[in-house]
Amino acid sequence: MDDRDLQDRLRQGDHAAFDTLFRATYGQLVGVTQSVVRDHAVAEEIVQDVLLELWRRREDLVVEDSLRAYLFRAARNRALNHLRHAAVERRGEPYARGDASVLPRADARVSASEINVALKRAVAELPERCREIFELSRVHGLKYSEIAQTLGISIKTVEAQMGKALRLLREALAAWLPPDKRAFQERE
């Protein structure tokens, strides 16, 4: 029986046509789906869902290419959706458990504004030329070559001044760095 006949029989609710399609495609659909999700039981469940959905929507079924290709595409898409959903669950699991290490601290907003004030103060305390170069780079987004051209200095001077600015800022903001970054800072 060709695809058009099979689709017509499915639309009419022919259980024998569905059974024929099920037996002809189930094993291959599970194999393809399992190659995506890497779990046989999950692959079987996905394929059963795809075939069940095909039966539920049989009256509205419009398949332009082959019914077999349609089923493989549907199974693959459901498998990919399953993987996406599993990834979202994994990322959200610590939040759902109430893991304190990933939850924002109550004083996070206050800390952020305090850090911002400290950063502005530290930038303001940089030597004038150093601050000017830092702001052209970080605030205005200019490249080192553009800064050099704008100020009429060499790129090496820009690089040296940026290195100095970053070093001074790290020192001024050391109290705000996490403990593991502070230890790195002290070794330099």
N, C-alpha and C. Protein backbone atom coordinates (compact mmCIF):
# COMPACT_ATOMS: atom_id res chain seq x y z
N MET A 1 0.85 -1.17 0.00
CA MET A 1 0.00 0.00 0.00
C MET A 1 0.90 1.24 0.00
N ASP A 2 0.60 2.21 -0.86
CA ASP A 2 1.43 3.42 -0.94
C ASP A 2 1.00 4.43 0.13
N ASP A 3 1.79 5.51 0.23
CA ASP A 3 1.56 6.51 1.28
C ASP A 3 0.18 7.15 1.20
N ARG A 4 -0.27 7.47 0.02
CA ARG A 4 -1.58 8.13 -0.12
C ARG A 4 -2.70 7.21 0.38
N ASP A 5 -2.63 5.94 -0.02
CA ASP A 5 -3.65 4.99 0.43
C ASP A 5 -3.60 4.85 1.95
N LEU A 6 -2.39 4.75 2.49
CA LEU A 6 -2.21 4.60 3.93
C LEU A 6 -2.76 5.82 4.67
N GLN A 7 -2.46 7.01 4.16
CA GLN A 7 -2.98 8.23 4.79
C GLN A 7 -4.50 8.27 4.73
N ASP A 8 -5.06 7.91 3.60
CA ASP A 8 -6.52 7.91 3.46
C ASP A 8 -7.16 6.92 4.44
N ARG A 9 -6.57 5.74 4.56
CA ARG A 9 -7.11 4.73 5.47
C ARG A 9 -6.97 5.18 6.92
N LEU A 10 -5.85 5.84 7.23
CA LEU A 10 -5.67 6.36 8.59
C LEU A 10 -6.72 7.42 8.89
N ARG A 11 -6.95 8.33 7.96
CA ARG A 11 -7.95 9.39 8.15
C ARG A 11 -9.33 8.81 8.45
N GLN A 12 -9.61 7.66 7.86
CA GLN A 12 -10.91 7.02 8.05
C GLN A 12 -10.97 6.18 9.33
N GLY A 13 -9.83 6.14 10.07
CA GLY A 13 -9.82 5.40 11.33
C GLY A 13 -9.57 3.91 11.19
N ASP A 14 -8.91 3.52 10.13
CA ASP A 14 -8.62 2.10 9.88
C ASP A 14 -7.51 1.62 10.81
N HIS A 15 -7.90 0.78 11.79
CA HIS A 15 -6.94 0.27 12.77
C HIS A 15 -5.89 -0.63 12.12
N ALA A 16 -6.29 -1.38 11.11
CA ALA A 16 -5.35 -2.27 10.43
C ALA A 16 -4.26 -1.47 9.72
N ALA A 17 -4.61 -0.33 9.14
CA ALA A 17 -3.62 0.52 8.47
C ALA A 17 -2.63 1.08 9.49
N PHE A 18 -3.15 1.50 10.65
CA PHE A 18 -2.28 2.01 11.70
C PHE A 18 -1.35 0.90 12.21
N ASP A 19 -1.91 -0.30 12.40
CA ASP A 19 -1.12 -1.43 12.87
C ASP A 19 -0.01 -1.76 11.87
N THR A 20 -0.31 -1.71 10.60
CA THR A 20 0.69 -1.96 9.55
C THR A 20 1.81 -0.92 9.63
N LEU A 21 1.43 0.33 9.73
CA LEU A 21 2.40 1.42 9.83
C LEU A 21 3.24 1.27 11.10
N PHE A 22 2.58 0.96 12.21
CA PHE A 22 3.27 0.80 13.49
C PHE A 22 4.33 -0.29 13.39
N ARG A 23 3.95 -1.44 12.89
CA ARG A 23 4.88 -2.58 12.79
C ARG A 23 6.02 -2.30 11.81
N ALA A 24 5.74 -1.57 10.77
CA ALA A 24 6.76 -1.29 9.75
C ALA A 24 7.78 -0.25 10.20
N THR A 25 7.40 0.65 11.13
CA THR A 25 8.30 1.76 11.46
C THR A 25 8.80 1.78 12.90
N TYR A 26 8.11 1.11 13.80
CA TYR A 26 8.41 1.24 15.22
C TYR A 26 9.89 0.96 15.55
N GLY A 27 10.40 -0.16 15.14
CA GLY A 27 11.78 -0.54 15.47
C GLY A 27 12.80 0.46 14.97
N GLN A 28 12.64 0.90 13.74
CA GLN A 28 13.59 1.88 13.17
C GLN A 28 13.46 3.23 13.85
N LEU A 29 12.23 3.63 14.16
CA LEU A 29 12.03 4.91 14.86
C LEU A 29 12.69 4.88 16.24
N VAL A 30 12.55 3.76 16.94
CA VAL A 30 13.18 3.64 18.26
C VAL A 30 14.69 3.71 18.11
N GLY A 31 15.24 3.03 17.10
CA GLY A 31 16.69 3.04 16.88
C GLY A 31 17.22 4.44 16.62
N VAL A 32 16.55 5.17 15.77
CA VAL A 32 16.99 6.53 15.45
C VAL A 32 16.86 7.43 16.67
N THR A 33 15.75 7.32 17.37
CA THR A 33 15.51 8.14 18.55
C THR A 33 16.51 7.81 19.65
N GLN A 34 16.80 6.54 19.82
CA GLN A 34 17.76 6.14 20.84
C GLN A 34 19.16 6.70 20.55
N SER A 35 19.50 6.83 19.28
CA SER A 35 20.81 7.40 18.94
C SER A 35 20.90 8.87 19.35
N VAL A 36 19.75 9.52 19.50
CA VAL A 36 19.74 10.93 19.93
C VAL A 36 19.72 11.03 21.45
N VAL A 37 18.81 10.28 22.11
CA VAL A 37 18.63 10.43 23.56
C VAL A 37 19.51 9.49 24.38
N ARG A 38 20.09 8.48 23.76
CA ARG A 38 20.99 7.53 24.44
C ARG A 38 20.33 6.75 25.56
N ASP A 39 19.03 6.51 25.44
CA ASP A 39 18.31 5.75 26.46
C ASP A 39 17.16 5.02 25.76
N HIS A 40 17.21 3.68 25.78
CA HIS A 40 16.24 2.89 25.04
C HIS A 40 14.81 3.11 25.54
N ALA A 41 14.62 3.13 26.85
CA ALA A 41 13.26 3.29 27.41
C ALA A 41 12.68 4.66 27.03
N VAL A 42 13.50 5.69 27.10
CA VAL A 42 13.04 7.04 26.73
C VAL A 42 12.73 7.08 25.23
N ALA A 43 13.56 6.43 24.43
CA ALA A 43 13.33 6.40 22.98
C ALA A 43 12.00 5.71 22.66
N GLU A 44 11.73 4.60 23.34
CA GLU A 44 10.45 3.91 23.11
C GLU A 44 9.27 4.80 23.48
N GLU A 45 9.40 5.49 24.59
CA GLU A 45 8.33 6.39 25.04
C GLU A 45 8.09 7.51 24.04
N ILE A 46 9.17 8.08 23.51
CA ILE A 46 9.05 9.16 22.53
C ILE A 46 8.36 8.65 21.27
N VAL A 47 8.79 7.50 20.78
CA VAL A 47 8.20 6.94 19.55
C VAL A 47 6.72 6.61 19.78
N GLN A 48 6.39 6.05 20.92
CA GLN A 48 4.99 5.77 21.21
C GLN A 48 4.17 7.06 21.23
N ASP A 49 4.73 8.12 21.80
CA ASP A 49 4.04 9.42 21.80
C ASP A 49 3.82 9.93 20.38
N VAL A 50 4.84 9.79 19.53
CA VAL A 50 4.73 10.25 18.14
C VAL A 50 3.63 9.48 17.41
N LEU A 51 3.64 8.17 17.58
CA LEU A 51 2.64 7.35 16.89
C LEU A 51 1.24 7.58 17.46
N LEU A 52 1.14 7.78 18.76
CA LEU A 52 -0.15 8.09 19.37
C LEU A 52 -0.69 9.42 18.86
N GLU A 53 0.21 10.40 18.76
CA GLU A 53 -0.19 11.72 18.25
C GLU A 53 -0.63 11.62 16.78
N LEU A 54 0.04 10.77 16.02
CA LEU A 54 -0.36 10.54 14.62
C LEU A 54 -1.79 10.00 14.60
N TRP A 55 -2.09 9.05 15.45
CA TRP A 55 -3.44 8.47 15.49
C TRP A 55 -4.47 9.52 15.92
N ARG A 56 -4.12 10.32 16.93
CA ARG A 56 -5.05 11.35 17.41
C ARG A 56 -5.36 12.39 16.34
N ARG A 57 -4.37 12.71 15.54
CA ARG A 57 -4.54 13.77 14.52
C ARG A 57 -4.76 13.20 13.12
N ARG A 58 -5.11 11.96 13.02
CA ARG A 58 -5.22 11.28 11.73
C ARG A 58 -6.19 11.96 10.77
N GLU A 59 -7.26 12.52 11.31
CA GLU A 59 -8.28 13.13 10.45
C GLU A 59 -7.78 14.42 9.80
N ASP A 60 -6.86 15.10 10.46
CA ASP A 60 -6.32 16.36 9.93
C ASP A 60 -4.95 16.16 9.29
N LEU A 61 -4.50 14.93 9.17
CA LEU A 61 -3.15 14.63 8.70
C LEU A 61 -2.95 15.04 7.24
N VAL A 62 -1.97 15.89 7.02
CA VAL A 62 -1.58 16.28 5.67
C VAL A 62 -0.06 16.14 5.60
N VAL A 63 0.39 15.13 4.90
CA VAL A 63 1.83 14.87 4.76
C VAL A 63 2.19 15.03 3.30
N GLU A 64 3.05 16.00 3.01
CA GLU A 64 3.42 16.29 1.63
C GLU A 64 4.39 15.25 1.08
N ASP A 65 5.40 14.91 1.86
CA ASP A 65 6.35 13.90 1.40
C ASP A 65 5.91 12.55 1.96
N SER A 66 6.80 11.65 2.21
CA SER A 66 6.40 10.32 2.66
C SER A 66 6.00 10.32 4.14
N LEU A 67 5.09 9.46 4.48
CA LEU A 67 4.62 9.32 5.84
C LEU A 67 5.76 8.83 6.73
N ARG A 68 6.58 7.97 6.18
CA ARG A 68 7.74 7.44 6.90
C ARG A 68 8.72 8.58 7.26
N ALA A 69 9.01 9.46 6.31
CA ALA A 69 9.90 10.59 6.56
C ALA A 69 9.29 11.52 7.60
N TYR A 70 7.98 11.71 7.52
CA TYR A 70 7.27 12.54 8.49
C TYR A 70 7.45 11.98 9.91
N LEU A 71 7.31 10.68 10.07
CA LEU A 71 7.44 10.05 11.38
C LEU A 71 8.87 10.15 11.91
N PHE A 72 9.85 9.94 11.04
CA PHE A 72 11.24 10.05 11.48
C PHE A 72 11.56 11.47 11.91
N ARG A 73 11.08 12.44 11.17
CA ARG A 73 11.31 13.84 11.52
C ARG A 73 10.63 14.18 12.85
N ALA A 74 9.40 13.71 13.02
CA ALA A 74 8.66 13.97 14.27
C ALA A 74 9.36 13.33 15.46
N ALA A 75 9.85 12.11 15.29
CA ALA A 75 10.55 11.42 16.39
C ALA A 75 11.85 12.14 16.72
N ARG A 76 12.58 12.55 15.71
CA ARG A 76 13.84 13.26 15.94
C ARG A 76 13.58 14.58 16.67
N ASN A 77 12.57 15.33 16.23
CA ASN A 77 12.25 16.61 16.87
C ASN A 77 11.83 16.41 18.33
N ARG A 78 11.04 15.37 18.59
CA ARG A 78 10.63 15.11 19.98
C ARG A 78 11.83 14.71 20.83
N ALA A 79 12.76 13.96 20.24
CA ALA A 79 13.97 13.56 20.97
C ALA A 79 14.80 14.79 21.31
N LEU A 80 14.95 15.70 20.37
CA LEU A 80 15.71 16.93 20.63
C LEU A 80 15.01 17.79 21.68
N ASN A 81 13.69 17.86 21.61
CA ASN A 81 12.93 18.60 22.64
C ASN A 81 13.13 17.97 24.01
N HIS A 82 13.16 16.64 24.05
CA HIS A 82 13.40 15.94 25.31
C HIS A 82 14.77 16.32 25.88
N LEU A 83 15.79 16.36 25.04
CA LEU A 83 17.13 16.72 25.50
C LEU A 83 17.17 18.16 26.00
N ARG A 84 16.51 19.07 25.29
CA ARG A 84 16.46 20.47 25.73
C ARG A 84 15.77 20.58 27.09
N HIS A 85 14.68 19.88 27.23
CA HIS A 85 13.93 19.93 28.48
C HIS A 85 14.78 19.36 29.63
N ALA A 86 15.48 18.28 29.38
CA ALA A 86 16.34 17.68 30.40
C ALA A 86 17.45 18.65 30.81
N ALA A 87 18.00 19.37 29.84
CA ALA A 87 19.05 20.34 30.14
C ALA A 87 18.51 21.47 31.01
N VAL A 88 17.31 21.94 30.72
CA VAL A 88 16.69 23.00 31.52
C VAL A 88 16.45 22.49 32.94
N GLU A 89 15.99 21.25 33.06
CA GLU A 89 15.77 20.68 34.40
C GLU A 89 17.07 20.60 35.19
N ARG A 90 18.16 20.17 34.52
CA ARG A 90 19.45 20.07 35.21
C ARG A 90 19.93 21.43 35.68
N ARG A 91 19.76 22.45 34.82
CA ARG A 91 20.21 23.79 35.22
C ARG A 91 19.35 24.35 36.35
N GLY A 92 18.08 23.99 36.38
CA GLY A 92 17.18 24.54 37.40
C GLY A 92 17.14 23.74 38.68
N GLU A 93 17.71 22.54 38.66
CA GLU A 93 17.64 21.67 39.84
C GLU A 93 18.19 22.30 41.11
N PRO A 94 19.35 22.96 41.09
CA PRO A 94 19.83 23.58 42.34
C PRO A 94 18.86 24.62 42.88
N TYR A 95 18.20 25.35 42.00
CA TYR A 95 17.23 26.36 42.45
C TYR A 95 16.00 25.68 43.07
N ALA A 96 15.57 24.59 42.46
CA ALA A 96 14.40 23.88 42.96
C ALA A 96 14.68 23.27 44.33
N ARG A 97 15.91 22.81 44.55
CA ARG A 97 16.30 22.24 45.84
C ARG A 97 16.51 23.33 46.89
N GLY A 98 16.64 24.57 46.44
CA GLY A 98 16.90 25.67 47.37
C GLY A 98 18.36 25.71 47.78
N ASP A 99 19.24 25.24 46.92
CA ASP A 99 20.68 25.24 47.19
C ASP A 99 21.16 26.67 47.38
N ALA A 100 21.60 26.99 48.57
CA ALA A 100 21.98 28.36 48.92
C ALA A 100 23.16 28.86 48.11
N SER A 101 23.99 27.96 47.60
CA SER A 101 25.18 28.42 46.87
C SER A 101 24.82 29.03 45.51
N VAL A 102 23.64 28.72 44.97
CA VAL A 102 23.27 29.29 43.67
C VAL A 102 22.19 30.36 43.78
N LEU A 103 21.57 30.45 44.95
CA LEU A 103 20.53 31.47 45.11
C LEU A 103 21.16 32.83 45.36
N PRO A 104 20.58 33.89 44.80
CA PRO A 104 21.13 35.22 45.04
C PRO A 104 20.99 35.59 46.51
N ARG A 105 22.01 36.21 47.03
CA ARG A 105 21.96 36.65 48.42
C ARG A 105 21.00 37.82 48.53
N ALA A 106 20.44 37.99 49.71
CA ALA A 106 19.48 39.07 49.94
C ALA A 106 20.13 40.43 49.75
N ASP A 107 21.43 40.52 50.04
CA ASP A 107 22.11 41.80 49.94
C ASP A 107 22.82 41.98 48.60
N ALA A 108 22.49 41.16 47.60
CA ALA A 108 23.18 41.20 46.32
C ALA A 108 23.04 42.56 45.64
N ARG A 109 21.84 43.15 45.68
CA ARG A 109 21.63 44.44 45.03
C ARG A 109 22.45 45.53 45.70
N VAL A 110 22.50 45.50 47.02
CA VAL A 110 23.28 46.48 47.77
C VAL A 110 24.75 46.31 47.43
N SER A 111 25.22 45.06 47.41
CA SER A 111 26.62 44.79 47.09
C SER A 111 26.97 45.30 45.69
N ALA A 112 26.08 45.07 44.75
CA ALA A 112 26.34 45.51 43.38
C ALA A 112 26.47 47.03 43.31
N SER A 113 25.62 47.74 44.01
CA SER A 113 25.72 49.21 43.96
C SER A 113 26.97 49.68 44.69
N GLU A 114 27.35 48.99 45.77
CA GLU A 114 28.58 49.35 46.48
C GLU A 114 29.81 49.10 45.61
N ILE A 115 29.79 47.99 44.88
CA ILE A 115 30.90 47.68 43.98
C ILE A 115 30.98 48.73 42.88
N ASN A 116 29.83 49.13 42.37
CA ASN A 116 29.79 50.14 41.32
C ASN A 116 30.39 51.47 41.80
N VAL A 117 30.03 51.87 43.01
CA VAL A 117 30.58 53.10 43.59
C VAL A 117 32.09 52.96 43.77
N ALA A 118 32.53 51.82 44.28
CA ALA A 118 33.96 51.59 44.49
C ALA A 118 34.71 51.60 43.16
N LEU A 119 34.13 51.03 42.13
CA LEU A 119 34.76 51.02 40.81
C LEU A 119 34.89 52.43 40.25
N LYS A 120 33.82 53.21 40.35
CA LYS A 120 33.88 54.60 39.86
C LYS A 120 34.94 55.40 40.61
N ARG A 121 35.01 55.19 41.91
CA ARG A 121 36.01 55.89 42.72
C ARG A 121 37.43 55.46 42.31
N ALA A 122 37.62 54.15 42.10
CA ALA A 122 38.94 53.64 41.73
C ALA A 122 39.36 54.18 40.35
N VAL A 123 38.42 54.24 39.42
CA VAL A 123 38.74 54.78 38.09
C VAL A 123 39.08 56.26 38.20
N ALA A 124 38.33 57.00 39.02
CA ALA A 124 38.59 58.43 39.20
C ALA A 124 39.96 58.68 39.81
N GLU A 125 40.47 57.74 40.60
CA GLU A 125 41.76 57.91 41.27
C GLU A 125 42.95 57.48 40.40
N LEU A 126 42.67 56.96 39.21
CA LEU A 126 43.77 56.58 38.31
C LEU A 126 44.51 57.85 37.86
N PRO A 127 45.80 57.73 37.54
CA PRO A 127 46.51 58.87 36.96
C PRO A 127 45.77 59.34 35.70
N GLU A 128 45.83 60.64 35.42
CA GLU A 128 45.01 61.24 34.36
C GLU A 128 45.12 60.52 33.02
N ARG A 129 46.34 60.32 32.52
CA ARG A 129 46.54 59.69 31.20
C ARG A 129 46.05 58.25 31.23
N CYS A 130 46.30 57.57 32.31
CA CYS A 130 45.90 56.18 32.50
C CYS A 130 44.37 56.08 32.48
N ARG A 131 43.70 56.96 33.21
CA ARG A 131 42.24 56.99 33.27
C ARG A 131 41.66 57.29 31.89
N GLU A 132 42.24 58.25 31.20
CA GLU A 132 41.75 58.64 29.87
C GLU A 132 41.80 57.44 28.92
N ILE A 133 42.91 56.73 28.92
CA ILE A 133 43.06 55.57 28.03
C ILE A 133 42.10 54.45 28.45
N PHE A 134 41.98 54.21 29.75
CA PHE A 134 41.07 53.18 30.25
C PHE A 134 39.63 53.49 29.82
N GLU A 135 39.19 54.72 30.00
CA GLU A 135 37.82 55.08 29.64
C GLU A 135 37.58 55.01 28.14
N LEU A 136 38.57 55.41 27.34
CA LEU A 136 38.40 55.29 25.89
C LEU A 136 38.23 53.83 25.49
N SER A 137 38.95 52.95 26.17
CA SER A 137 38.86 51.52 25.86
C SER A 137 37.60 50.88 26.41
N ARG A 138 37.38 51.01 27.71
CA ARG A 138 36.30 50.27 28.36
C ARG A 138 34.94 50.96 28.31
N VAL A 139 34.92 52.26 28.36
CA VAL A 139 33.64 52.97 28.34
C VAL A 139 33.18 53.24 26.92
N HIS A 140 34.11 53.72 26.08
CA HIS A 140 33.74 54.11 24.72
C HIS A 140 33.99 53.00 23.70
N GLY A 141 34.64 51.94 24.11
CA GLY A 141 34.82 50.78 23.24
C GLY A 141 35.82 50.94 22.12
N LEU A 142 36.76 51.87 22.25
CA LEU A 142 37.77 52.04 21.19
C LEU A 142 38.83 50.96 21.27
N LYS A 143 39.36 50.60 20.12
CA LYS A 143 40.47 49.64 20.05
C LYS A 143 41.75 50.38 20.40
N TYR A 144 42.76 49.61 20.78
CA TYR A 144 44.03 50.23 21.16
C TYR A 144 44.59 51.09 20.02
N SER A 145 44.47 50.62 18.78
CA SER A 145 44.99 51.39 17.65
C SER A 145 44.22 52.70 17.49
N GLU A 146 42.91 52.67 17.75
CA GLU A 146 42.11 53.88 17.65
C GLU A 146 42.46 54.86 18.77
N ILE A 147 42.72 54.35 19.95
CA ILE A 147 43.12 55.20 21.07
C ILE A 147 44.46 55.86 20.76
N ALA A 148 45.40 55.06 20.25
CA ALA A 148 46.73 55.58 19.91
C ALA A 148 46.62 56.69 18.88
N GLN A 149 45.80 56.48 17.88
CA GLN A 149 45.63 57.49 16.83
C GLN A 149 44.94 58.74 17.38
N THR A 150 43.91 58.55 18.20
CA THR A 150 43.19 59.68 18.78
C THR A 150 44.09 60.54 19.66
N LEU A 151 44.93 59.90 20.48
CA LEU A 151 45.77 60.64 21.42
C LEU A 151 47.15 60.97 20.87
N GLY A 152 47.45 60.45 19.68
CA GLY A 152 48.75 60.72 19.07
C GLY A 152 49.90 60.04 19.82
N ILE A 153 49.67 58.85 20.31
CA ILE A 153 50.70 58.10 21.02
C ILE A 153 50.85 56.72 20.37
N SER A 154 51.85 55.97 20.79
CA SER A 154 52.05 54.64 20.18
C SER A 154 51.10 53.62 20.82
N ILE A 155 50.88 52.53 20.10
CA ILE A 155 50.04 51.43 20.60
C ILE A 155 50.69 50.83 21.85
N LYS A 156 52.02 50.75 21.86
CA LYS A 156 52.75 50.21 23.02
C LYS A 156 52.46 51.04 24.27
N THR A 157 52.37 52.35 24.11
CA THR A 157 52.06 53.22 25.24
C THR A 157 50.65 52.94 25.74
N VAL A 158 49.72 52.76 24.80
CA VAL A 158 48.33 52.44 25.17
C VAL A 158 48.31 51.12 25.95
N GLU A 159 49.02 50.11 25.44
CA GLU A 159 49.06 48.81 26.10
C GLU A 159 49.65 48.93 27.51
N ALA A 160 50.72 49.67 27.64
CA ALA A 160 51.36 49.84 28.95
C ALA A 160 50.43 50.55 29.92
N GLN A 161 49.77 51.61 29.46
CA GLN A 161 48.86 52.37 30.33
C GLN A 161 47.63 51.53 30.73
N MET A 162 47.13 50.71 29.79
CA MET A 162 46.00 49.83 30.12
C MET A 162 46.43 48.79 31.14
N GLY A 163 47.61 48.23 30.98
CA GLY A 163 48.12 47.27 31.95
C GLY A 163 48.23 47.90 33.33
N LYS A 164 48.74 49.12 33.37
CA LYS A 164 48.87 49.84 34.64
C LYS A 164 47.48 50.10 35.24
N ALA A 165 46.54 50.54 34.41
CA ALA A 165 45.19 50.83 34.89
C ALA A 165 44.54 49.58 35.48
N LEU A 166 44.65 48.48 34.79
CA LEU A 166 44.04 47.24 35.27
C LEU A 166 44.70 46.76 36.57
N ARG A 167 46.01 46.89 36.67
CA ARG A 167 46.72 46.51 37.88
C ARG A 167 46.25 47.37 39.06
N LEU A 168 46.19 48.70 38.85
CA LEU A 168 45.76 49.60 39.91
C LEU A 168 44.31 49.35 40.32
N LEU A 169 43.47 49.05 39.35
CA LEU A 169 42.06 48.77 39.67
C LEU A 169 41.93 47.46 40.45
N ARG A 170 42.69 46.44 40.06
CA ARG A 170 42.66 45.18 40.81
C ARG A 170 43.08 45.41 42.26
N GLU A 171 44.10 46.22 42.45
CA GLU A 171 44.57 46.50 43.81
C GLU A 171 43.52 47.28 44.60
N ALA A 172 42.92 48.28 43.95
CA ALA A 172 41.93 49.11 44.64
C ALA A 172 40.65 48.33 44.95
N LEU A 173 40.33 47.34 44.14
CA LEU A 173 39.08 46.60 44.31
C LEU A 173 39.31 45.21 44.90
N ALA A 174 40.49 44.96 45.44
CA ALA A 174 40.81 43.63 45.97
C ALA A 174 39.81 43.17 47.02
N ALA A 175 39.31 44.08 47.82
CA ALA A 175 38.36 43.70 48.87
C ALA A 175 37.06 43.15 48.28
N TRP A 176 36.75 43.51 47.05
CA TRP A 176 35.51 43.08 46.41
C TRP A 176 35.67 41.77 45.65
N LEU A 177 36.91 41.34 45.46
CA LEU A 177 37.16 40.11 44.71
C LEU A 177 36.81 38.90 45.57
N PRO A 178 36.32 37.80 44.95
CA PRO A 178 36.06 36.58 45.71
C PRO A 178 37.38 36.07 46.30
N PRO A 179 37.33 35.30 47.37
CA PRO A 179 38.54 34.83 48.04
C PRO A 179 39.53 34.12 47.11
N ASP A 180 39.03 33.28 46.18
CA ASP A 180 39.96 32.58 45.28
C ASP A 180 40.67 33.54 44.34
N LYS A 181 40.04 34.63 43.95
CA LYS A 181 40.67 35.64 43.08
C LYS A 181 41.66 36.48 43.88
N ARG A 182 41.37 36.70 45.17
CA ARG A 182 42.28 37.47 46.02
C ARG A 182 43.59 36.73 46.20
N ALA A 183 43.51 35.42 46.35
CA ALA A 183 44.73 34.62 46.52
C ALA A 183 45.57 34.72 45.26
N PHE A 184 44.92 34.70 44.10
CA PHE A 184 45.63 34.85 42.84
C PHE A 184 46.29 36.23 42.77
N GLN A 185 45.56 37.23 43.23
CA GLN A 185 46.04 38.61 43.22
C GLN A 185 47.30 38.74 44.07
N GLU A 186 47.30 38.09 45.23
CA GLU A 186 48.43 38.21 46.15
C GLU A 186 49.67 37.53 45.60
N ARG A 187 49.50 36.49 44.74
CA ARG A 187 50.66 35.80 44.19
C ARG A 187 51.36 36.58 43.09
N GLU A 188 50.67 37.53 42.46
CA GLU A 188 51.24 38.26 41.33
C GLU A 188 52.36 39.17 41.74
